[in-house]
Full PDB file with SEQRES, HELIX, SHEET, SSBOND, CRYST1, ORIGX, SCALE, CONECT and MASTER records, all heavy atoms in Angstrom:
SEQRES   1 A   26  PRO ILE ARG TRP TRP SER SER ALA VAL VAL LEU ALA SER          
SEQRES   2 A   26  CYS THR ALA GLU ALA GLN PRO GLY ALA THR ARG LEU TRP          
SHEET    1 AA1 2 ARG A   3  SER A   6  0                                        
SHEET    2 AA1 2 VAL A   9  LEU A  11 -1                                        
SHEET    1 AA2 2 SER A  13  THR A  15  0                                        
SHEET    2 AA2 2 THR A  23  LEU A  25 -1                                        
CRYST1    1.000    1.000    1.000  90.00  90.00  90.00 P 1           1          
ORIGX1      1.000000  0.000000  0.000000        0.00000                         
ORIGX2      0.000000  1.000000  0.000000        0.00000                         
ORIGX3      0.000000  0.000000  1.000000        0.00000                         
SCALE1      1.000000  0.000000  0.000000        0.00000                         
SCALE2      0.000000  1.000000  0.000000        0.00000                         
SCALE3      0.000000  0.000000  1.000000        0.00000                         
ATOM      1  N   PRO A   1       6.121 314.680 -40.458  1.00  0.00           N  
ATOM      2  CA  PRO A   1       7.522 314.410 -40.131  1.00  0.00           C  
ATOM      3  C   PRO A   1       8.363 314.469 -41.390  1.00  0.00           C  
ATOM      4  O   PRO A   1       7.972 314.038 -42.491  1.00  0.00           O  
ATOM      5  CB  PRO A   1       7.610 312.956 -39.477  1.00  0.00           C  
ATOM      6  CG  PRO A   1       6.392 312.344 -40.044  1.00  0.00           C  
ATOM      7  CD  PRO A   1       5.281 313.460 -40.324  1.00  0.00           C  
ATOM      8  N   ILE A   2       9.479 315.175 -41.338  1.00  0.00           N  
ATOM      9  CA  ILE A   2      10.370 315.303 -42.527  1.00  0.00           C  
ATOM     10  C   ILE A   2      11.556 314.185 -42.420  1.00  0.00           C  
ATOM     11  O   ILE A   2      11.823 313.527 -43.330  1.00  0.00           O  
ATOM     12  CB  ILE A   2      10.972 316.692 -42.511  1.00  0.00           C  
ATOM     13  CG1 ILE A   2       9.828 317.766 -42.781  1.00  0.00           C  
ATOM     14  CG2 ILE A   2      12.121 316.764 -43.624  1.00  0.00           C  
ATOM     15  CD1 ILE A   2      10.402 319.236 -42.708  1.00  0.00           C  
ATOM     16  N   ARG A   3      12.241 314.117 -41.189  1.00  0.00           N  
ATOM     17  CA  ARG A   3      13.256 313.191 -41.037  1.00  0.00           C  
ATOM     18  C   ARG A   3      13.573 313.103 -39.511  1.00  0.00           C  
ATOM     19  O   ARG A   3      13.043 314.108 -38.703  1.00  0.00           O  
ATOM     20  CB  ARG A   3      14.484 313.620 -41.756  1.00  0.00           C  
ATOM     21  CG  ARG A   3      15.258 314.839 -41.348  1.00  0.00           C  
ATOM     22  CD  ARG A   3      16.454 315.114 -42.264  1.00  0.00           C  
ATOM     23  NE  ARG A   3      17.251 316.157 -41.852  1.00  0.00           N  
ATOM     24  CZ  ARG A   3      18.249 316.187 -40.832  1.00  0.00           C  
ATOM     25  NH1 ARG A   3      18.539 314.977 -40.304  1.00  0.00           N  
ATOM     26  NH2 ARG A   3      18.821 317.298 -40.435  1.00  0.00           N  
ATOM     27  N   TRP A   4      14.359 312.185 -39.105  1.00  0.00           N  
ATOM     28  CA  TRP A   4      14.849 312.112 -37.711  1.00  0.00           C  
ATOM     29  C   TRP A   4      15.993 313.151 -37.482  1.00  0.00           C  
ATOM     30  O   TRP A   4      16.966 313.087 -38.146  1.00  0.00           O  
ATOM     31  CB  TRP A   4      15.244 310.682 -37.442  1.00  0.00           C  
ATOM     32  CG  TRP A   4      14.137 309.753 -37.320  1.00  0.00           C  
ATOM     33  CD1 TRP A   4      13.636 308.976 -38.319  1.00  0.00           C  
ATOM     34  CD2 TRP A   4      13.290 309.504 -36.233  1.00  0.00           C  
ATOM     35  NE1 TRP A   4      12.595 308.236 -37.940  1.00  0.00           N  
ATOM     36  CE2 TRP A   4      12.366 308.539 -36.595  1.00  0.00           C  
ATOM     37  CE3 TRP A   4      13.289 309.959 -34.851  1.00  0.00           C  
ATOM     38  CZ2 TRP A   4      11.338 308.037 -35.743  1.00  0.00           C  
ATOM     39  CZ3 TRP A   4      12.344 309.481 -33.977  1.00  0.00           C  
ATOM     40  CH2 TRP A   4      11.343 308.538 -34.399  1.00  0.00           C  
ATOM     41  N   TRP A   5      15.749 314.036 -36.464  1.00  0.00           N  
ATOM     42  CA  TRP A   5      16.797 314.933 -36.108  1.00  0.00           C  
ATOM     43  C   TRP A   5      17.851 314.244 -35.249  1.00  0.00           C  
ATOM     44  O   TRP A   5      19.078 314.552 -35.265  1.00  0.00           O  
ATOM     45  CB  TRP A   5      16.174 316.096 -35.429  1.00  0.00           C  
ATOM     46  CG  TRP A   5      17.048 317.269 -35.156  1.00  0.00           C  
ATOM     47  CD1 TRP A   5      17.514 317.723 -33.931  1.00  0.00           C  
ATOM     48  CD2 TRP A   5      17.481 318.356 -36.113  1.00  0.00           C  
ATOM     49  NE1 TRP A   5      18.287 318.840 -34.097  1.00  0.00           N  
ATOM     50  CE2 TRP A   5      18.173 319.200 -35.451  1.00  0.00           C  
ATOM     51  CE3 TRP A   5      17.194 318.423 -37.529  1.00  0.00           C  
ATOM     52  CZ2 TRP A   5      18.771 320.388 -36.013  1.00  0.00           C  
ATOM     53  CZ3 TRP A   5      17.803 319.546 -38.107  1.00  0.00           C  
ATOM     54  CH2 TRP A   5      18.581 320.571 -37.339  1.00  0.00           C  
ATOM     55  N   SER A   6      17.405 313.319 -34.407  1.00  0.00           N  
ATOM     56  CA  SER A   6      18.217 312.434 -33.630  1.00  0.00           C  
ATOM     57  C   SER A   6      17.475 311.183 -33.367  1.00  0.00           C  
ATOM     58  O   SER A   6      16.401 311.001 -33.909  1.00  0.00           O  
ATOM     59  CB  SER A   6      18.481 313.143 -32.212  1.00  0.00           C  
ATOM     60  OG  SER A   6      17.391 313.202 -31.415  1.00  0.00           O  
ATOM     61  N   SER A   7      18.040 310.315 -32.570  1.00  0.00           N  
ATOM     62  CA  SER A   7      17.280 308.920 -32.384  1.00  0.00           C  
ATOM     63  C   SER A   7      15.982 309.076 -31.699  1.00  0.00           C  
ATOM     64  O   SER A   7      15.128 308.180 -31.650  1.00  0.00           O  
ATOM     65  CB  SER A   7      18.178 308.015 -31.622  1.00  0.00           C  
ATOM     66  OG  SER A   7      18.519 308.568 -30.357  1.00  0.00           O  
ATOM     67  N   ALA A   8      15.731 310.250 -31.068  1.00  0.00           N  
ATOM     68  CA  ALA A   8      14.531 310.405 -30.173  1.00  0.00           C  
ATOM     69  C   ALA A   8      13.783 311.721 -30.540  1.00  0.00           C  
ATOM     70  O   ALA A   8      12.689 312.007 -29.926  1.00  0.00           O  
ATOM     71  CB  ALA A   8      14.792 310.403 -28.714  1.00  0.00           C  
ATOM     72  N   VAL A   9      14.178 312.459 -31.666  1.00  0.00           N  
ATOM     73  CA  VAL A   9      13.548 313.624 -31.951  1.00  0.00           C  
ATOM     74  C   VAL A   9      13.274 313.721 -33.451  1.00  0.00           C  
ATOM     75  O   VAL A   9      14.105 313.441 -34.207  1.00  0.00           O  
ATOM     76  CB  VAL A   9      14.376 314.883 -31.482  1.00  0.00           C  
ATOM     77  CG1 VAL A   9      13.803 316.155 -31.954  1.00  0.00           C  
ATOM     78  CG2 VAL A   9      14.729 314.894 -29.999  1.00  0.00           C  
ATOM     79  N   VAL A  10      12.040 314.148 -33.748  1.00  0.00           N  
ATOM     80  CA  VAL A  10      11.649 314.235 -35.211  1.00  0.00           C  
ATOM     81  C   VAL A  10      11.692 315.706 -35.662  1.00  0.00           C  
ATOM     82  O   VAL A  10      11.177 316.545 -34.967  1.00  0.00           O  
ATOM     83  CB  VAL A  10      10.294 313.641 -35.391  1.00  0.00           C  
ATOM     84  CG1 VAL A  10       9.686 313.890 -36.842  1.00  0.00           C  
ATOM     85  CG2 VAL A  10      10.292 312.118 -35.166  1.00  0.00           C  
ATOM     86  N   LEU A  11      12.187 315.992 -36.870  1.00  0.00           N  
ATOM     87  CA  LEU A  11      12.075 317.239 -37.485  1.00  0.00           C  
ATOM     88  C   LEU A  11      10.669 317.200 -38.217  1.00  0.00           C  
ATOM     89  O   LEU A  11      10.477 316.391 -39.098  1.00  0.00           O  
ATOM     90  CB  LEU A  11      13.160 317.581 -38.463  1.00  0.00           C  
ATOM     91  CG  LEU A  11      13.114 318.750 -39.250  1.00  0.00           C  
ATOM     92  CD1 LEU A  11      13.215 320.003 -38.415  1.00  0.00           C  
ATOM     93  CD2 LEU A  11      14.186 318.748 -40.355  1.00  0.00           C  
ATOM     94  N   ALA A  12       9.796 318.140 -37.939  1.00  0.00           N  
ATOM     95  CA  ALA A  12       8.541 318.182 -38.475  1.00  0.00           C  
ATOM     96  C   ALA A  12       8.112 319.577 -39.081  1.00  0.00           C  
ATOM     97  O   ALA A  12       8.679 320.572 -38.596  1.00  0.00           O  
ATOM     98  CB  ALA A  12       7.420 317.767 -37.550  1.00  0.00           C  
ATOM     99  N   SER A  13       7.339 319.585 -40.081  1.00  0.00           N  
ATOM    100  CA  SER A  13       6.780 320.732 -40.656  1.00  0.00           C  
ATOM    101  C   SER A  13       5.305 320.882 -40.266  1.00  0.00           C  
ATOM    102  O   SER A  13       4.523 319.960 -40.512  1.00  0.00           O  
ATOM    103  CB  SER A  13       6.861 320.751 -42.208  1.00  0.00           C  
ATOM    104  OG  SER A  13       6.279 321.808 -42.779  1.00  0.00           O  
ATOM    105  N   CYS A  14       4.952 322.032 -39.622  1.00  0.00           N  
ATOM    106  CA  CYS A  14       3.641 322.189 -39.000  1.00  0.00           C  
ATOM    107  C   CYS A  14       3.024 323.458 -39.542  1.00  0.00           C  
ATOM    108  O   CYS A  14       3.738 324.437 -39.809  1.00  0.00           O  
ATOM    109  CB  CYS A  14       3.714 322.132 -37.500  1.00  0.00           C  
ATOM    110  SG  CYS A  14       4.420 320.710 -36.815  1.00  0.00           S  
ATOM    111  N   THR A  15       1.740 323.479 -39.561  1.00  0.00           N  
ATOM    112  CA  THR A  15       0.994 324.730 -39.926  1.00  0.00           C  
ATOM    113  C   THR A  15       1.436 325.822 -38.986  1.00  0.00           C  
ATOM    114  O   THR A  15       1.547 325.688 -37.725  1.00  0.00           O  
ATOM    115  CB  THR A  15      -0.520 324.484 -39.888  1.00  0.00           C  
ATOM    116  OG1 THR A  15      -0.796 323.544 -40.896  1.00  0.00           O  
ATOM    117  CG2 THR A  15      -1.208 325.715 -40.004  1.00  0.00           C  
ATOM    118  N   ALA A  16       1.625 327.088 -39.434  1.00  0.00           N  
ATOM    119  CA  ALA A  16       1.846 328.237 -38.586  1.00  0.00           C  
ATOM    120  C   ALA A  16       0.433 328.897 -38.341  1.00  0.00           C  
ATOM    121  O   ALA A  16      -0.083 329.539 -39.157  1.00  0.00           O  
ATOM    122  CB  ALA A  16       2.832 329.178 -39.187  1.00  0.00           C  
ATOM    123  N   GLU A  17      -0.004 328.672 -37.060  1.00  0.00           N  
ATOM    124  CA  GLU A  17      -1.436 329.068 -36.848  1.00  0.00           C  
ATOM    125  C   GLU A  17      -1.775 330.579 -37.139  1.00  0.00           C  
ATOM    126  O   GLU A  17      -2.777 330.834 -37.716  1.00  0.00           O  
ATOM    127  CB  GLU A  17      -1.683 328.714 -35.354  1.00  0.00           C  
ATOM    128  CG  GLU A  17      -3.130 328.933 -34.968  1.00  0.00           C  
ATOM    129  CD  GLU A  17      -3.440 328.421 -33.611  1.00  0.00           C  
ATOM    130  OE1 GLU A  17      -2.614 328.721 -32.658  1.00  0.00           O  
ATOM    131  OE2 GLU A  17      -4.310 327.530 -33.418  1.00  0.00           O  
ATOM    132  N   ALA A  18      -0.854 331.389 -36.797  1.00  0.00           N  
ATOM    133  CA  ALA A  18      -1.173 332.877 -36.965  1.00  0.00           C  
ATOM    134  C   ALA A  18      -0.974 333.402 -38.405  1.00  0.00           C  
ATOM    135  O   ALA A  18      -1.208 334.545 -38.618  1.00  0.00           O  
ATOM    136  CB  ALA A  18      -0.360 333.701 -36.035  1.00  0.00           C  
ATOM    137  N   GLN A  19      -0.381 332.555 -39.280  1.00  0.00           N  
ATOM    138  CA  GLN A  19      -0.029 332.978 -40.578  1.00  0.00           C  
ATOM    139  C   GLN A  19      -0.660 331.885 -41.649  1.00  0.00           C  
ATOM    140  O   GLN A  19       0.033 330.954 -41.902  1.00  0.00           O  
ATOM    141  CB  GLN A  19       1.494 333.098 -40.754  1.00  0.00           C  
ATOM    142  CG  GLN A  19       1.999 334.198 -39.879  1.00  0.00           C  
ATOM    143  CD  GLN A  19       3.465 334.348 -40.175  1.00  0.00           C  
ATOM    144  OE1 GLN A  19       3.882 334.343 -41.304  1.00  0.00           O  
ATOM    145  NE2 GLN A  19       4.231 334.487 -39.157  1.00  0.00           N  
ATOM    146  N   PRO A  20      -1.855 332.212 -42.133  1.00  0.00           N  
ATOM    147  CA  PRO A  20      -2.483 331.279 -43.031  1.00  0.00           C  
ATOM    148  C   PRO A  20      -1.641 330.924 -44.299  1.00  0.00           C  
ATOM    149  O   PRO A  20      -1.046 331.872 -44.968  1.00  0.00           O  
ATOM    150  CB  PRO A  20      -3.771 331.971 -43.481  1.00  0.00           C  
ATOM    151  CG  PRO A  20      -4.065 332.864 -42.346  1.00  0.00           C  
ATOM    152  CD  PRO A  20      -2.724 333.343 -41.877  1.00  0.00           C  
ATOM    153  N   GLY A  21      -1.393 329.721 -44.540  1.00  0.00           N  
ATOM    154  CA  GLY A  21      -0.627 329.256 -45.599  1.00  0.00           C  
ATOM    155  C   GLY A  21       0.847 329.111 -45.337  1.00  0.00           C  
ATOM    156  O   GLY A  21       1.586 328.451 -46.180  1.00  0.00           O  
ATOM    157  N   ALA A  22       1.283 329.507 -44.141  1.00  0.00           N  
ATOM    158  CA  ALA A  22       2.713 329.409 -43.808  1.00  0.00           C  
ATOM    159  C   ALA A  22       2.970 328.156 -42.979  1.00  0.00           C  
ATOM    160  O   ALA A  22       2.000 327.537 -42.412  1.00  0.00           O  
ATOM    161  CB  ALA A  22       3.199 330.621 -42.972  1.00  0.00           C  
ATOM    162  N   THR A  23       4.108 327.696 -42.886  1.00  0.00           N  
ATOM    163  CA  THR A  23       4.510 326.556 -42.132  1.00  0.00           C  
ATOM    164  C   THR A  23       5.771 326.968 -41.209  1.00  0.00           C  
ATOM    165  O   THR A  23       6.388 328.007 -41.367  1.00  0.00           O  
ATOM    166  CB  THR A  23       4.881 325.427 -42.873  1.00  0.00           C  
ATOM    167  OG1 THR A  23       5.968 325.718 -43.807  1.00  0.00           O  
ATOM    168  CG2 THR A  23       3.670 324.949 -43.833  1.00  0.00           C  
ATOM    169  N   ARG A  24       6.067 326.040 -40.185  1.00  0.00           N  
ATOM    170  CA  ARG A  24       7.113 326.260 -39.312  1.00  0.00           C  
ATOM    171  C   ARG A  24       7.780 324.979 -39.049  1.00  0.00           C  
ATOM    172  O   ARG A  24       7.056 323.951 -38.839  1.00  0.00           O  
ATOM    173  CB  ARG A  24       6.629 326.928 -38.057  1.00  0.00           C  
ATOM    174  CG  ARG A  24       7.671 327.403 -37.109  1.00  0.00           C  
ATOM    175  CD  ARG A  24       7.101 328.134 -35.917  1.00  0.00           C  
ATOM    176  NE  ARG A  24       8.022 328.848 -35.081  1.00  0.00           N  
ATOM    177  CZ  ARG A  24       7.739 329.522 -33.927  1.00  0.00           C  
ATOM    178  NH1 ARG A  24       6.625 329.565 -33.503  1.00  0.00           N  
ATOM    179  NH2 ARG A  24       8.784 330.186 -33.388  1.00  0.00           N  
ATOM    180  N   LEU A  25       9.111 324.862 -38.935  1.00  0.00           N  
ATOM    181  CA  LEU A  25       9.799 323.593 -38.500  1.00  0.00           C  
ATOM    182  C   LEU A  25       9.890 323.549 -36.985  1.00  0.00           C  
ATOM    183  O   LEU A  25      10.333 324.484 -36.325  1.00  0.00           O  
ATOM    184  CB  LEU A  25      11.120 323.598 -39.277  1.00  0.00           C  
ATOM    185  CG  LEU A  25      11.186 323.638 -40.713  1.00  0.00           C  
ATOM    186  CD1 LEU A  25      12.625 323.473 -41.221  1.00  0.00           C  
ATOM    187  CD2 LEU A  25      10.391 322.554 -41.344  1.00  0.00           C  
ATOM    188  N   TRP A  26       9.624 322.288 -36.479  1.00  0.00           N  
ATOM    189  CA  TRP A  26       9.676 322.018 -35.019  1.00  0.00           C  
ATOM    190  C   TRP A  26      10.539 320.780 -34.871  1.00  0.00           C  
ATOM    191  O   TRP A  26      10.728 319.938 -35.769  1.00  0.00           O  
ATOM    192  CB  TRP A  26       8.241 321.755 -34.595  1.00  0.00           C  
ATOM    193  CG  TRP A  26       7.386 322.920 -34.475  1.00  0.00           C  
ATOM    194  CD1 TRP A  26       6.744 323.560 -35.436  1.00  0.00           C  
ATOM    195  CD2 TRP A  26       6.965 323.633 -33.247  1.00  0.00           C  
ATOM    196  NE1 TRP A  26       5.930 324.582 -35.016  1.00  0.00           N  
ATOM    197  CE2 TRP A  26       6.152 324.716 -33.718  1.00  0.00           C  
ATOM    198  CE3 TRP A  26       7.421 323.530 -31.980  1.00  0.00           C  
ATOM    199  CZ2 TRP A  26       5.654 325.585 -32.732  1.00  0.00           C  
ATOM    200  CZ3 TRP A  26       6.830 324.478 -30.954  1.00  0.00           C  
ATOM    201  CH2 TRP A  26       5.941 325.455 -31.448  1.00  0.00           C  
TER     202      TRP A  26                                                      
MASTER        0    0    0    0    4    0    0    6  201    1    0    2          
END                                                                             
């Protein structure tokens, strides 16, 4: 988790499965 996007949603950085070494924000 990076920070709270809202009171019920988290901004997170996750591994990008199809691209080794890359990440994606969710």
